[in-house]
Amino acid sequence: MVGPMGAGKSTVGRALAKLLGYAFVDSDEEIERRTGANIPWIFEIEGEQGFRDREQQVITELAERDQVVIATGGGAVLRDANRQTLKQRGLVIYLCASLREQVWRTSHDRKRPLLAGKNRRAVLSELMALRDPLYREVSDVVVSTDNRSAKKLAQHLLTQIPELSSVAPYP
């Protein structure tokens, strides 16, 4: 799963993994687990470059697994190596959300270093302008998460994507 902050990658990813009987991994949570530090701290100490290096390593390793749904961080697509890995190793779903929805969903979240102390709407708009073409480049499927529950969206994905419906143990 790829997409911007607040698109629902982790929530929808968990719901989809459950329906498929697959494992679920959030790449940001995996980085935190491995380092014992949260993402804002990694950004503060190592900078965005250091974080992106860790992210690339985690995505490369996670993509080698079978029967797993991976929710990537919003900026994972910035690196060509990540885009290539994702395209080569699985079905990539771009969960998109309107700017209004992203602002609303991230409004109380204080764990997003790129939004800290900044105008959320302006930052999210700028990030979307840069990243949307990259999300689309890497994706096999594009679906909007606006006004849709994670469970219903996961069920919709199962019925609309032949590659998923053919492996789902729970129709």
C-alpha atoms as a PDB file:
ATOM      1  CA  MET A   1       0.000   0.000   0.000  1.00  0.00           C
ATOM      2  CA  VAL A   2       1.254   3.434  -0.937  1.00  0.00           C
ATOM      3  CA  GLY A   3      -0.266   6.861  -0.496  1.00  0.00           C
ATOM      4  CA  PRO A   4      -0.088  10.097   1.444  1.00  0.00           C
ATOM      5  CA  MET A   5      -0.273  10.669   5.164  1.00  0.00           C
ATOM      6  CA  GLY A   6      -3.807  10.152   6.357  1.00  0.00           C
ATOM      7  CA  ALA A   7      -4.948   8.036   3.412  1.00  0.00           C
ATOM      8  CA  GLY A   8      -5.535   5.011   5.665  1.00  0.00           C
ATOM      9  CA  LYS A   9      -2.723   2.717   4.519  1.00  0.00           C
ATOM     10  CA  SER A  10      -2.246   1.086   7.918  1.00  0.00           C
ATOM     11  CA  THR A  11      -5.926   0.830   8.786  1.00  0.00           C
ATOM     12  CA  VAL A  12      -7.004  -0.500   5.396  1.00  0.00           C
ATOM     13  CA  GLY A  13      -3.881  -2.662   5.177  1.00  0.00           C
ATOM     14  CA  ARG A  14      -4.685  -4.380   8.478  1.00  0.00           C
ATOM     15  CA  ALA A  15      -8.281  -4.993   7.385  1.00  0.00           C
ATOM     16  CA  LEU A  16      -7.176  -6.365   4.008  1.00  0.00           C
ATOM     17  CA  ALA A  17      -4.521  -8.612   5.563  1.00  0.00           C
ATOM     18  CA  LYS A  18      -7.142 -10.045   7.913  1.00  0.00           C
ATOM     19  CA  LEU A  19      -9.494 -10.830   5.026  1.00  0.00           C
ATOM     20  CA  LEU A  20      -6.672 -12.444   3.051  1.00  0.00           C
ATOM     21  CA  GLY A  21      -5.304 -14.378   6.020  1.00  0.00           C
ATOM     22  CA  TYR A  22      -1.956 -12.613   5.480  1.00  0.00           C
ATOM     23  CA  ALA A  23       0.465 -10.943   7.850  1.00  0.00           C
ATOM     24  CA  PHE A  24       0.428  -7.150   8.046  1.00  0.00           C
ATOM     25  CA  VAL A  25       3.466  -4.897   8.454  1.00  0.00           C
ATOM     26  CA  ASP A  26       3.608  -1.108   8.605  1.00  0.00           C
ATOM     27  CA  SER A  27       7.087  -0.128   7.397  1.00  0.00           C
ATOM     28  CA  ASP A  28       7.274   2.860   9.769  1.00  0.00           C
ATOM     29  CA  GLU A  29       6.310   0.688  12.744  1.00  0.00           C
ATOM     30  CA  GLU A  30       8.919  -1.863  11.666  1.00  0.00           C
ATOM     31  CA  ILE A  31      11.600   0.847  11.583  1.00  0.00           C
ATOM     32  CA  GLU A  32      10.582   1.942  15.073  1.00  0.00           C
ATOM     33  CA  ARG A  33      10.615  -1.653  16.329  1.00  0.00           C
ATOM     34  CA  ARG A  34      14.085  -2.302  14.923  1.00  0.00           C
ATOM     35  CA  THR A  35      15.641   0.929  16.148  1.00  0.00           C
ATOM     36  CA  GLY A  36      13.830   1.277  19.450  1.00  0.00           C
ATOM     37  CA  ALA A  37      13.197   4.907  18.515  1.00  0.00           C
ATOM     38  CA  ASN A  38      10.190   6.727  17.094  1.00  0.00           C
ATOM     39  CA  ILE A  39      10.161   8.296  13.637  1.00  0.00           C
ATOM     40  CA  PRO A  40      10.313  11.926  14.852  1.00  0.00           C
ATOM     41  CA  TRP A  41      13.428  11.110  16.901  1.00  0.00           C
ATOM     42  CA  ILE A  42      15.073   9.386  13.906  1.00  0.00           C
ATOM     43  CA  PHE A  43      14.318  12.455  11.758  1.00  0.00           C
ATOM     44  CA  GLU A  44      15.748  14.744  14.450  1.00  0.00           C
ATOM     45  CA  ILE A  45      18.955  12.747  14.985  1.00  0.00           C
ATOM     46  CA  GLU A  46      19.643  11.281  11.518  1.00  0.00           C
ATOM     47  CA  GLY A  47      17.702  13.683   9.316  1.00  0.00           C
ATOM     48  CA  GLU A  48      15.355  12.677   6.540  1.00  0.00           C
ATOM     49  CA  GLN A  49      18.220  11.047   4.585  1.00  0.00           C
ATOM     50  CA  GLY A  50      19.023   8.714   7.498  1.00  0.00           C
ATOM     51  CA  PHE A  51      15.386   7.808   7.881  1.00  0.00           C
ATOM     52  CA  ARG A  52      15.020   7.145   4.131  1.00  0.00           C
ATOM     53  CA  ASP A  53      18.071   4.846   4.240  1.00  0.00           C
ATOM     54  CA  ARG A  54      16.439   2.811   6.998  1.00  0.00           C
ATOM     55  CA  GLU A  55      13.139   2.840   5.154  1.00  0.00           C
ATOM     56  CA  GLN A  56      14.723   1.499   1.966  1.00  0.00           C
ATOM     57  CA  GLN A  57      16.358  -1.370   3.851  1.00  0.00           C
ATOM     58  CA  VAL A  58      13.085  -2.299   5.573  1.00  0.00           C
ATOM     59  CA  ILE A  59      11.040  -2.149   2.359  1.00  0.00           C
ATOM     60  CA  THR A  60      13.594  -4.305   0.541  1.00  0.00           C
ATOM     61  CA  GLU A  61      13.443  -6.929   3.295  1.00  0.00           C
ATOM     62  CA  LEU A  62       9.647  -6.850   3.695  1.00  0.00           C
ATOM     63  CA  ALA A  63       9.104  -7.159  -0.057  1.00  0.00           C
ATOM     64  CA  GLU A  64      10.928 -10.504  -0.004  1.00  0.00           C
ATOM     65  CA  ARG A  65       8.174 -12.010   2.159  1.00  0.00           C
ATOM     66  CA  ASP A  66       5.185 -13.850   0.785  1.00  0.00           C
ATOM     67  CA  GLN A  67       1.598 -13.446   1.968  1.00  0.00           C
ATOM     68  CA  VAL A  68       2.091 -10.059   3.550  1.00  0.00           C
ATOM     69  CA  VAL A  69       0.333  -6.722   3.210  1.00  0.00           C
ATOM     70  CA  ILE A  70       2.783  -3.853   3.635  1.00  0.00           C
ATOM     71  CA  ALA A  71       1.782  -0.271   4.425  1.00  0.00           C
ATOM     72  CA  THR A  72       4.620   2.007   3.371  1.00  0.00           C
ATOM     73  CA  GLY A  73       5.334   5.476   4.681  1.00  0.00           C
ATOM     74  CA  GLY A  74       4.047   8.354   2.572  1.00  0.00           C
ATOM     75  CA  GLY A  75       7.518   9.230   1.297  1.00  0.00           C
ATOM     76  CA  ALA A  76       8.664   5.707   0.461  1.00  0.00           C
ATOM     77  CA  VAL A  77       8.052   6.342  -3.242  1.00  0.00           C
ATOM     78  CA  LEU A  78      10.606   9.158  -3.325  1.00  0.00           C
ATOM     79  CA  ARG A  79      13.415   6.661  -3.844  1.00  0.00           C
ATOM     80  CA  ASP A  80      13.625   4.955  -7.199  1.00  0.00           C
ATOM     81  CA  ALA A  81      14.939   1.795  -5.497  1.00  0.00           C
ATOM     82  CA  ASN A  82      11.772   1.561  -3.396  1.00  0.00           C
ATOM     83  CA  ARG A  83       9.529   2.083  -6.404  1.00  0.00           C
ATOM     84  CA  GLN A  84      11.369  -0.648  -8.317  1.00  0.00           C
ATOM     85  CA  THR A  85      11.194  -3.052  -5.377  1.00  0.00           C
ATOM     86  CA  LEU A  86       7.476  -2.493  -4.886  1.00  0.00           C
ATOM     87  CA  LYS A  87       6.669  -2.841  -8.595  1.00  0.00           C
ATOM     88  CA  GLN A  88       8.700  -6.023  -8.961  1.00  0.00           C
ATOM     89  CA  ARG A  89       7.572  -7.824  -5.816  1.00  0.00           C
ATOM     90  CA  GLY A  90       3.825  -7.421  -5.557  1.00  0.00           C
ATOM     91  CA  LEU A  91       0.524  -5.821  -6.284  1.00  0.00           C
ATOM     92  CA  VAL A  92       0.699  -2.142  -5.311  1.00  0.00           C
ATOM     93  CA  ILE A  93      -2.439  -0.331  -4.211  1.00  0.00           C
ATOM     94  CA  TYR A  94      -2.435   3.461  -4.089  1.00  0.00           C
ATOM     95  CA  LEU A  95      -4.824   4.670  -1.424  1.00  0.00           C
ATOM     96  CA  CYS A  96      -5.540   8.282  -2.242  1.00  0.00           C
ATOM     97  CA  ALA A  97      -7.401  10.811  -0.144  1.00  0.00           C
ATOM     98  CA  SER A  98      -8.489  14.362  -0.818  1.00  0.00           C
ATOM     99  CA  LEU A  99      -6.479  17.175   0.716  1.00  0.00           C
ATOM    100  CA  ARG A 100      -9.426  17.976   2.984  1.00  0.00           C
ATOM    101  CA  GLU A 101      -9.517  14.389   4.239  1.00  0.00           C
ATOM    102  CA  GLN A 102      -5.742  14.278   4.805  1.00  0.00           C
ATOM    103  CA  VAL A 103      -5.826  17.495   6.828  1.00  0.00           C
ATOM    104  CA  TRP A 104      -8.722  16.200   8.935  1.00  0.00           C
ATOM    105  CA  ARG A 105      -7.185  12.754   9.526  1.00  0.00           C
ATOM    106  CA  THR A 106      -3.782  14.147  10.542  1.00  0.00           C
ATOM    107  CA  SER A 107      -5.106  17.094  12.567  1.00  0.00           C
ATOM    108  CA  HIS A 108      -4.458  15.511  15.985  1.00  0.00           C
ATOM    109  CA  ASP A 109      -1.407  13.480  15.030  1.00  0.00           C
ATOM    110  CA  ARG A 110       1.796  14.847  16.548  1.00  0.00           C
ATOM    111  CA  LYS A 111       4.048  12.033  15.279  1.00  0.00           C
ATOM    112  CA  ARG A 112       4.538  13.286  11.726  1.00  0.00           C
ATOM    113  CA  PRO A 113       7.860  15.121  11.472  1.00  0.00           C
ATOM    114  CA  LEU A 114       7.135  16.693   8.091  1.00  0.00           C
ATOM    115  CA  LEU A 115       4.039  18.397   9.518  1.00  0.00           C
ATOM    116  CA  ALA A 116       5.450  19.478  12.889  1.00  0.00           C
ATOM    117  CA  GLY A 117       4.864  23.169  13.525  1.00  0.00           C
ATOM    118  CA  LYS A 118       3.832  23.864   9.942  1.00  0.00           C
ATOM    119  CA  ASN A 119       0.689  24.713   8.005  1.00  0.00           C
ATOM    120  CA  ARG A 120      -0.693  21.197   7.454  1.00  0.00           C
ATOM    121  CA  ARG A 121      -2.785  22.095   4.440  1.00  0.00           C
ATOM    122  CA  ALA A 122       0.132  23.786   2.666  1.00  0.00           C
ATOM    123  CA  VAL A 123       2.602  20.980   3.452  1.00  0.00           C
ATOM    124  CA  LEU A 124       0.182  18.209   2.476  1.00  0.00           C
ATOM    125  CA  SER A 125      -0.680  20.021  -0.747  1.00  0.00           C
ATOM    126  CA  GLU A 126       2.996  20.430  -1.620  1.00  0.00           C
ATOM    127  CA  LEU A 127       3.769  16.790  -0.796  1.00  0.00           C
ATOM    128  CA  MET A 128       0.836  15.611  -2.887  1.00  0.00           C
ATOM    129  CA  ALA A 129       1.950  17.633  -5.909  1.00  0.00           C
ATOM    130  CA  LEU A 130       5.374  15.999  -5.689  1.00  0.00           C
ATOM    131  CA  ARG A 131       4.349  12.461  -4.744  1.00  0.00           C
ATOM    132  CA  ASP A 132       1.083  11.781  -6.585  1.00  0.00           C
ATOM    133  CA  PRO A 133       2.828  11.052  -9.922  1.00  0.00           C
ATOM    134  CA  LEU A 134       5.178   8.652  -8.094  1.00  0.00           C
ATOM    135  CA  TYR A 135       2.296   6.857  -6.365  1.00  0.00           C
ATOM    136  CA  ARG A 136       0.594   6.468  -9.734  1.00  0.00           C
ATOM    137  CA  GLU A 137       3.805   5.287 -11.403  1.00  0.00           C
ATOM    138  CA  VAL A 138       4.258   2.427  -8.967  1.00  0.00           C
ATOM    139  CA  SER A 139       0.607   1.412  -8.519  1.00  0.00           C
ATOM    140  CA  ASP A 140      -1.422  -1.336 -10.093  1.00  0.00           C
ATOM    141  CA  VAL A 141      -4.654  -0.067  -8.523  1.00  0.00           C
ATOM    142  CA  VAL A 142      -5.755   3.410  -7.404  1.00  0.00           C
ATOM    143  CA  VAL A 143      -8.642   3.774  -4.977  1.00  0.00           C
ATOM    144  CA  SER A 144     -10.005   6.711  -2.987  1.00  0.00           C
ATOM    145  CA  THR A 145     -10.456   6.292   0.752  1.00  0.00           C
ATOM    146  CA  ASP A 146     -12.613   9.405   1.230  1.00  0.00           C
ATOM    147  CA  ASN A 147     -15.825   8.643   3.138  1.00  0.00           C
ATOM    148  CA  ARG A 148     -15.164   4.891   3.207  1.00  0.00           C
ATOM    149  CA  SER A 149     -14.589   2.667   6.208  1.00  0.00           C
ATOM    150  CA  ALA A 150     -11.458   0.531   6.233  1.00  0.00           C
ATOM    151  CA  LYS A 151     -13.425  -2.709   6.477  1.00  0.00           C
ATOM    152  CA  LYS A 152     -15.704  -1.871   3.543  1.00  0.00           C
ATOM    153  CA  LEU A 153     -12.771  -0.649   1.485  1.00  0.00           C
ATOM    154  CA  ALA A 154     -10.853  -3.880   2.150  1.00  0.00           C
ATOM    155  CA  GLN A 155     -13.897  -5.914   1.101  1.00  0.00           C
ATOM    156  CA  HIS A 156     -14.248  -3.761  -2.022  1.00  0.00           C
ATOM    157  CA  LEU A 157     -10.595  -4.397  -2.899  1.00  0.00           C
ATOM    158  CA  LEU A 158     -11.134  -8.148  -2.590  1.00  0.00           C
ATOM    159  CA  THR A 159     -14.062  -8.108  -4.971  1.00  0.00           C
ATOM    160  CA  GLN A 160     -12.567  -5.667  -7.481  1.00  0.00           C
ATOM    161  CA  ILE A 161      -9.030  -6.984  -7.823  1.00  0.00           C
ATOM    162  CA  PRO A 162      -8.803 -10.443  -9.406  1.00  0.00           C
ATOM    163  CA  GLU A 163      -5.336 -11.089  -7.954  1.00  0.00           C
ATOM    164  CA  LEU A 164      -6.740 -10.637  -4.452  1.00  0.00           C
ATOM    165  CA  SER A 165     -10.067 -12.391  -4.838  1.00  0.00           C
ATOM    166  CA  SER A 166      -8.339 -15.515  -6.130  1.00  0.00           C
ATOM    167  CA  VAL A 167      -6.245 -15.899  -2.951  1.00  0.00           C
ATOM    168  CA  ALA A 168      -8.698 -14.684  -0.318  1.00  0.00           C
ATOM    169  CA  PRO A 169      -9.669 -17.466   2.087  1.00  0.00           C
ATOM    170  CA  TYR A 170     -12.633 -15.412   3.342  1.00  0.00           C
ATOM    171  CA  PRO A 171     -14.878 -14.209   0.498  1.00  0.00           C
END
